[in-house]
Amino acid sequence: MNAQRQALRRSKKDRIIAGVCGGLGEFFGISPFWFRLAMLIAFIPGGVPGILIYLIALVIIPAE
């Protein structure tokens, strides 16, 4: 079997802010809802951990 994995990219079609969670969902083959929920939980303790994680992902993950 020669299954090729799609490259990690920020989604253009499944985005709310910048497409980070949509792109992660497409890459891992699961609903972006779970990544959005994880980001929301990371935002709760003061916001800084969640914002930092999201901004790092935004910079590192290229757009489609």
PDB file of N, CA and C in Angstrom:
ATOM      1  N   MET A   1       0.825  -1.175   0.000  1.00  0.00           N
ATOM      2  CA  MET A   1       0.000   0.000   0.000  1.00  0.00           C
ATOM      3  C   MET A   1       0.876   1.248   0.000  1.00  0.00           C
ATOM      4  N   ASN A   2       0.552   2.185  -0.844  1.00  0.00           N
ATOM      5  CA  ASN A   2       1.351   3.385  -0.969  1.00  0.00           C
ATOM      6  C   ASN A   2       0.494   4.608  -0.645  1.00  0.00           C
ATOM      7  N   ALA A   3       0.094   4.727   0.585  1.00  0.00           N
ATOM      8  CA  ALA A   3      -0.754   5.846   0.999  1.00  0.00           C
ATOM      9  C   ALA A   3       0.107   7.081   1.229  1.00  0.00           C
ATOM     10  N   GLN A   4      -0.244   8.156   0.554  1.00  0.00           N
ATOM     11  CA  GLN A   4       0.486   9.399   0.728  1.00  0.00           C
ATOM     12  C   GLN A   4      -0.308  10.320   1.634  1.00  0.00           C
ATOM     13  N   ARG A   5       0.409  10.935   2.533  1.00  0.00           N
ATOM     14  CA  ARG A   5      -0.224  11.869   3.450  1.00  0.00           C
ATOM     15  C   ARG A   5      -0.168  13.262   2.850  1.00  0.00           C
ATOM     16  N   GLN A   6      -1.256  13.965   3.006  1.00  0.00           N
ATOM     17  CA  GLN A   6      -1.361  15.330   2.527  1.00  0.00           C
ATOM     18  C   GLN A   6      -0.460  16.234   3.364  1.00  0.00           C
ATOM     19  N   ALA A   7       0.100  17.254   2.767  1.00  0.00           N
ATOM     20  CA  ALA A   7       0.965  18.194   3.484  1.00  0.00           C
ATOM     21  C   ALA A   7       0.136  19.022   4.467  1.00  0.00           C
ATOM     22  N   LEU A   8       0.750  19.384   5.564  1.00  0.00           N
ATOM     23  CA  LEU A   8       0.085  20.221   6.567  1.00  0.00           C
ATOM     24  C   LEU A   8       0.030  21.650   6.064  1.00  0.00           C
ATOM     25  N   ARG A   9      -1.172  22.149   5.882  1.00  0.00           N
ATOM     26  CA  ARG A   9      -1.406  23.512   5.396  1.00  0.00           C
ATOM     27  C   ARG A   9      -2.585  24.110   6.152  1.00  0.00           C
ATOM     28  N   ARG A  10      -2.601  25.439   6.261  1.00  0.00           N
ATOM     29  CA  ARG A  10      -3.768  26.112   6.818  1.00  0.00           C
ATOM     30  C   ARG A  10      -4.881  26.050   5.784  1.00  0.00           C
ATOM     31  N   SER A  11      -6.067  25.737   6.227  1.00  0.00           N
ATOM     32  CA  SER A  11      -7.203  25.545   5.325  1.00  0.00           C
ATOM     33  C   SER A  11      -7.761  26.877   4.837  1.00  0.00           C
ATOM     34  N   LYS A  12      -8.110  26.912   3.546  1.00  0.00           N
ATOM     35  CA  LYS A  12      -8.792  28.084   2.993  1.00  0.00           C
ATOM     36  C   LYS A  12     -10.297  27.915   3.052  1.00  0.00           C
ATOM     37  N   LYS A  13     -10.759  26.665   2.993  1.00  0.00           N
ATOM     38  CA  LYS A  13     -12.202  26.426   2.931  1.00  0.00           C
ATOM     39  C   LYS A  13     -12.832  26.173   4.296  1.00  0.00           C
ATOM     40  N   ASP A  14     -12.070  25.667   5.254  1.00  0.00           N
ATOM     41  CA  ASP A  14     -12.616  25.364   6.584  1.00  0.00           C
ATOM     42  C   ASP A  14     -11.879  26.212   7.619  1.00  0.00           C
ATOM     43  N   ARG A  15     -12.195  27.493   7.627  1.00  0.00           N
ATOM     44  CA  ARG A  15     -11.498  28.399   8.520  1.00  0.00           C
ATOM     45  C   ARG A  15     -12.492  29.263   9.286  1.00  0.00           C
ATOM     46  N   ILE A  16     -12.093  29.615  10.487  1.00  0.00           N
ATOM     47  CA  ILE A  16     -12.857  30.573  11.279  1.00  0.00           C
ATOM     48  C   ILE A  16     -12.018  31.840  11.439  1.00  0.00           C
ATOM     49  N   ILE A  17     -10.758  31.693  11.835  1.00  0.00           N
ATOM     50  CA  ILE A  17      -9.873  32.852  11.963  1.00  0.00           C
ATOM     51  C   ILE A  17      -8.812  32.801  10.863  1.00  0.00           C
ATOM     52  N   ALA A  18      -7.884  31.865  10.958  1.00  0.00           N
ATOM     53  CA  ALA A  18      -6.799  31.804   9.978  1.00  0.00           C
ATOM     54  C   ALA A  18      -6.650  30.429   9.346  1.00  0.00           C
ATOM     55  N   GLY A  19      -7.509  29.489   9.668  1.00  0.00           N
ATOM     56  CA  GLY A  19      -7.465  28.169   9.050  1.00  0.00           C
ATOM     57  C   GLY A  19      -6.536  27.173   9.714  1.00  0.00           C
ATOM     58  N   VAL A  20      -5.988  27.512  10.884  1.00  0.00           N
ATOM     59  CA  VAL A  20      -5.052  26.609  11.563  1.00  0.00           C
ATOM     60  C   VAL A  20      -5.755  25.320  11.984  1.00  0.00           C
ATOM     61  N   CYS A  21      -6.851  25.430  12.685  1.00  0.00           N
ATOM     62  CA  CYS A  21      -7.562  24.235  13.163  1.00  0.00           C
ATOM     63  C   CYS A  21      -8.157  23.440  12.007  1.00  0.00           C
ATOM     64  N   GLY A  22      -8.652  24.126  10.984  1.00  0.00           N
ATOM     65  CA  GLY A  22      -9.156  23.432   9.802  1.00  0.00           C
ATOM     66  C   GLY A  22      -8.062  22.647   9.100  1.00  0.00           C
ATOM     67  N   GLY A  23      -6.891  23.236   8.988  1.00  0.00           N
ATOM     68  CA  GLY A  23      -5.758  22.552   8.368  1.00  0.00           C
ATOM     69  C   GLY A  23      -5.290  21.361   9.180  1.00  0.00           C
ATOM     70  N   LEU A  24      -5.256  21.511  10.500  1.00  0.00           N
ATOM     71  CA  LEU A  24      -4.876  20.391  11.360  1.00  0.00           C
ATOM     72  C   LEU A  24      -5.885  19.255  11.244  1.00  0.00           C
ATOM     73  N   GLY A  25      -7.164  19.606  11.184  1.00  0.00           N
ATOM     74  CA  GLY A  25      -8.202  18.590  11.018  1.00  0.00           C
ATOM     75  C   GLY A  25      -8.071  17.830   9.715  1.00  0.00           C
ATOM     76  N   GLU A  26      -7.799  18.551   8.615  1.00  0.00           N
ATOM     77  CA  GLU A  26      -7.615  17.902   7.325  1.00  0.00           C
ATOM     78  C   GLU A  26      -6.373  17.008   7.343  1.00  0.00           C
ATOM     79  N   PHE A  27      -5.301  17.476   7.957  1.00  0.00           N
ATOM     80  CA  PHE A  27      -4.050  16.724   7.987  1.00  0.00           C
ATOM     81  C   PHE A  27      -4.202  15.416   8.760  1.00  0.00           C
ATOM     82  N   PHE A  28      -4.858  15.474   9.919  1.00  0.00           N
ATOM     83  CA  PHE A  28      -5.002  14.284  10.748  1.00  0.00           C
ATOM     84  C   PHE A  28      -6.254  13.472  10.427  1.00  0.00           C
ATOM     85  N   GLY A  29      -7.117  13.982   9.556  1.00  0.00           N
ATOM     86  CA  GLY A  29      -8.297  13.240   9.137  1.00  0.00           C
ATOM     87  C   GLY A  29      -9.391  13.182  10.180  1.00  0.00           C
ATOM     88  N   ILE A  30      -9.454  14.189  11.045  1.00  0.00           N
ATOM     89  CA  ILE A  30     -10.525  14.263  12.035  1.00  0.00           C
ATOM     90  C   ILE A  30     -11.198  15.624  11.930  1.00  0.00           C
ATOM     91  N   SER A  31     -12.285  15.768  12.623  1.00  0.00           N
ATOM     92  CA  SER A  31     -13.032  17.014  12.580  1.00  0.00           C
ATOM     93  C   SER A  31     -12.230  18.162  13.198  1.00  0.00           C
ATOM     94  N   PRO A  32     -12.208  19.317  12.533  1.00  0.00           N
ATOM     95  CA  PRO A  32     -11.528  20.487  13.100  1.00  0.00           C
ATOM     96  C   PRO A  32     -12.142  20.937  14.428  1.00  0.00           C
ATOM     97  N   PHE A  33     -13.362  20.489  14.696  1.00  0.00           N
ATOM     98  CA  PHE A  33     -14.017  20.820  15.964  1.00  0.00           C
ATOM     99  C   PHE A  33     -13.141  20.456  17.152  1.00  0.00           C
ATOM    100  N   TRP A  34     -12.472  19.306  17.083  1.00  0.00           N
ATOM    101  CA  TRP A  34     -11.658  18.852  18.215  1.00  0.00           C
ATOM    102  C   TRP A  34     -10.446  19.743  18.424  1.00  0.00           C
ATOM    103  N   PHE A  35      -9.855  20.240  17.348  1.00  0.00           N
ATOM    104  CA  PHE A  35      -8.739  21.169  17.481  1.00  0.00           C
ATOM    105  C   PHE A  35      -9.228  22.527  17.994  1.00  0.00           C
ATOM    106  N   ARG A  36     -10.407  22.936  17.539  1.00  0.00           N
ATOM    107  CA  ARG A  36     -10.974  24.200  18.031  1.00  0.00           C
ATOM    108  C   ARG A  36     -11.305  24.099  19.515  1.00  0.00           C
ATOM    109  N   LEU A  37     -11.818  22.965  19.938  1.00  0.00           N
ATOM    110  CA  LEU A  37     -12.112  22.749  21.349  1.00  0.00           C
ATOM    111  C   LEU A  37     -10.826  22.781  22.178  1.00  0.00           C
ATOM    112  N   ALA A  38      -9.775  22.131  21.677  1.00  0.00           N
ATOM    113  CA  ALA A  38      -8.489  22.144  22.386  1.00  0.00           C
ATOM    114  C   ALA A  38      -7.936  23.564  22.489  1.00  0.00           C
ATOM    115  N   MET A  39      -8.063  24.351  21.432  1.00  0.00           N
ATOM    116  CA  MET A  39      -7.602  25.747  21.475  1.00  0.00           C
ATOM    117  C   MET A  39      -8.432  26.557  22.465  1.00  0.00           C
ATOM    118  N   LEU A  40      -9.724  26.307  22.491  1.00  0.00           N
ATOM    119  CA  LEU A  40     -10.591  27.006  23.438  1.00  0.00           C
ATOM    120  C   LEU A  40     -10.193  26.690  24.876  1.00  0.00           C
ATOM    121  N   ILE A  41      -9.922  25.424  25.143  1.00  0.00           N
ATOM    122  CA  ILE A  41      -9.486  25.022  26.480  1.00  0.00           C
ATOM    123  C   ILE A  41      -8.144  25.665  26.817  1.00  0.00           C
ATOM    124  N   ALA A  42      -7.259  25.778  25.825  1.00  0.00           N
ATOM    125  CA  ALA A  42      -5.954  26.424  26.057  1.00  0.00           C
ATOM    126  C   ALA A  42      -6.109  27.919  26.290  1.00  0.00           C
ATOM    127  N   PHE A  43      -7.179  28.540  25.766  1.00  0.00           N
ATOM    128  CA  PHE A  43      -7.427  29.969  25.986  1.00  0.00           C
ATOM    129  C   PHE A  43      -7.914  30.267  27.397  1.00  0.00           C
ATOM    130  N   ILE A  44      -8.536  29.296  28.056  1.00  0.00           N
ATOM    131  CA  ILE A  44      -9.187  29.531  29.350  1.00  0.00           C
ATOM    132  C   ILE A  44      -8.236  30.020  30.448  1.00  0.00           C
ATOM    133  N   PRO A  45      -7.048  29.429  30.654  1.00  0.00           N
ATOM    134  CA  PRO A  45      -6.215  29.888  31.777  1.00  0.00           C
ATOM    135  C   PRO A  45      -5.490  31.211  31.480  1.00  0.00           C
ATOM    136  N   GLY A  46      -6.253  32.278  31.327  1.00  0.00           N
ATOM    137  CA  GLY A  46      -5.657  33.585  31.114  1.00  0.00           C
ATOM    138  C   GLY A  46      -5.464  33.945  29.658  1.00  0.00           C
ATOM    139  N   GLY A  47      -5.656  33.018  28.749  1.00  0.00           N
ATOM    140  CA  GLY A  47      -5.565  33.303  27.331  1.00  0.00           C
ATOM    141  C   GLY A  47      -4.178  33.195  26.729  1.00  0.00           C
ATOM    142  N   VAL A  48      -3.137  33.471  27.496  1.00  0.00           N
ATOM    143  CA  VAL A  48      -1.777  33.516  26.950  1.00  0.00           C
ATOM    144  C   VAL A  48      -1.327  32.175  26.369  1.00  0.00           C
ATOM    145  N   PRO A  49      -1.518  31.040  27.073  1.00  0.00           N
ATOM    146  CA  PRO A  49      -1.058  29.774  26.477  1.00  0.00           C
ATOM    147  C   PRO A  49      -1.738  29.476  25.139  1.00  0.00           C
ATOM    148  N   GLY A  50      -3.017  29.704  25.055  1.00  0.00           N
ATOM    149  CA  GLY A  50      -3.752  29.421  23.829  1.00  0.00           C
ATOM    150  C   GLY A  50      -3.368  30.349  22.699  1.00  0.00           C
ATOM    151  N   ILE A  51      -3.235  31.631  22.990  1.00  0.00           N
ATOM    152  CA  ILE A  51      -2.848  32.598  21.970  1.00  0.00           C
ATOM    153  C   ILE A  51      -1.444  32.301  21.463  1.00  0.00           C
ATOM    154  N   LEU A  52      -0.543  31.969  22.364  1.00  0.00           N
ATOM    155  CA  LEU A  52       0.828  31.663  21.983  1.00  0.00           C
ATOM    156  C   LEU A  52       0.887  30.432  21.083  1.00  0.00           C
ATOM    157  N   ILE A  53       0.175  29.379  21.457  1.00  0.00           N
ATOM    158  CA  ILE A  53       0.134  28.155  20.642  1.00  0.00           C
ATOM    159  C   ILE A  53      -0.434  28.462  19.256  1.00  0.00           C
ATOM    160  N   TYR A  54      -1.526  29.220  19.209  1.00  0.00           N
ATOM    161  CA  TYR A  54      -2.164  29.531  17.940  1.00  0.00           C
ATOM    162  C   TYR A  54      -1.251  30.380  17.059  1.00  0.00           C
ATOM    163  N   LEU A  55      -0.602  31.386  17.633  1.00  0.00           N
ATOM    164  CA  LEU A  55       0.284  32.252  16.857  1.00  0.00           C
ATOM    165  C   LEU A  55       1.495  31.489  16.322  1.00  0.00           C
ATOM    166  N   ILE A  56       2.040  30.594  17.128  1.00  0.00           N
ATOM    167  CA  ILE A  56       3.171  29.775  16.656  1.00  0.00           C
ATOM    168  C   ILE A  56       2.717  28.896  15.501  1.00  0.00           C
ATOM    169  N   ALA A  57       1.548  28.264  15.624  1.00  0.00           N
ATOM    170  CA  ALA A  57       1.027  27.431  14.543  1.00  0.00           C
ATOM    171  C   ALA A  57       0.746  28.266  13.300  1.00  0.00           C
ATOM    172  N   LEU A  58       0.255  29.483  13.488  1.00  0.00           N
ATOM    173  CA  LEU A  58      -0.041  30.373  12.374  1.00  0.00           C
ATOM    174  C   LEU A  58       1.221  30.718  11.598  1.00  0.00           C
ATOM    175  N   VAL A  59       2.317  30.928  12.299  1.00  0.00           N
ATOM    176  CA  VAL A  59       3.588  31.270  11.662  1.00  0.00           C
ATOM    177  C   VAL A  59       4.227  30.049  11.005  1.00  0.00           C
ATOM    178  N   ILE A  60       4.158  28.891  11.668  1.00  0.00           N
ATOM    179  CA  ILE A  60       4.847  27.701  11.179  1.00  0.00           C
ATOM    180  C   ILE A  60       4.116  27.013  10.037  1.00  0.00           C
ATOM    181  N   ILE A  61       2.788  26.922  10.107  1.00  0.00           N
ATOM    182  CA  ILE A  61       2.008  26.187   9.108  1.00  0.00           C
ATOM    183  C   ILE A  61       1.738  27.104   7.906  1.00  0.00           C
ATOM    184  N   PRO A  62       2.206  26.719   6.726  1.00  0.00           N
ATOM    185  CA  PRO A  62       1.973  27.561   5.543  1.00  0.00           C
ATOM    186  C   PRO A  62       0.522  27.500   5.071  1.00  0.00           C
ATOM    187  N   ALA A  63       0.090  28.533   4.352  1.00  0.00           N
ATOM    188  CA  ALA A  63      -1.258  28.584   3.806  1.00  0.00           C
ATOM    189  C   ALA A  63      -1.362  27.672   2.591  1.00  0.00           C
ATOM    190  N   GLU A  64      -2.588  27.281   2.239  1.00  0.00           N
ATOM    191  CA  GLU A  64      -2.827  26.456   1.042  1.00  0.00           C
ATOM    192  C   GLU A  64      -2.498  27.258  -0.195  1.00  0.00           C
TER     193      GLU A  64
END
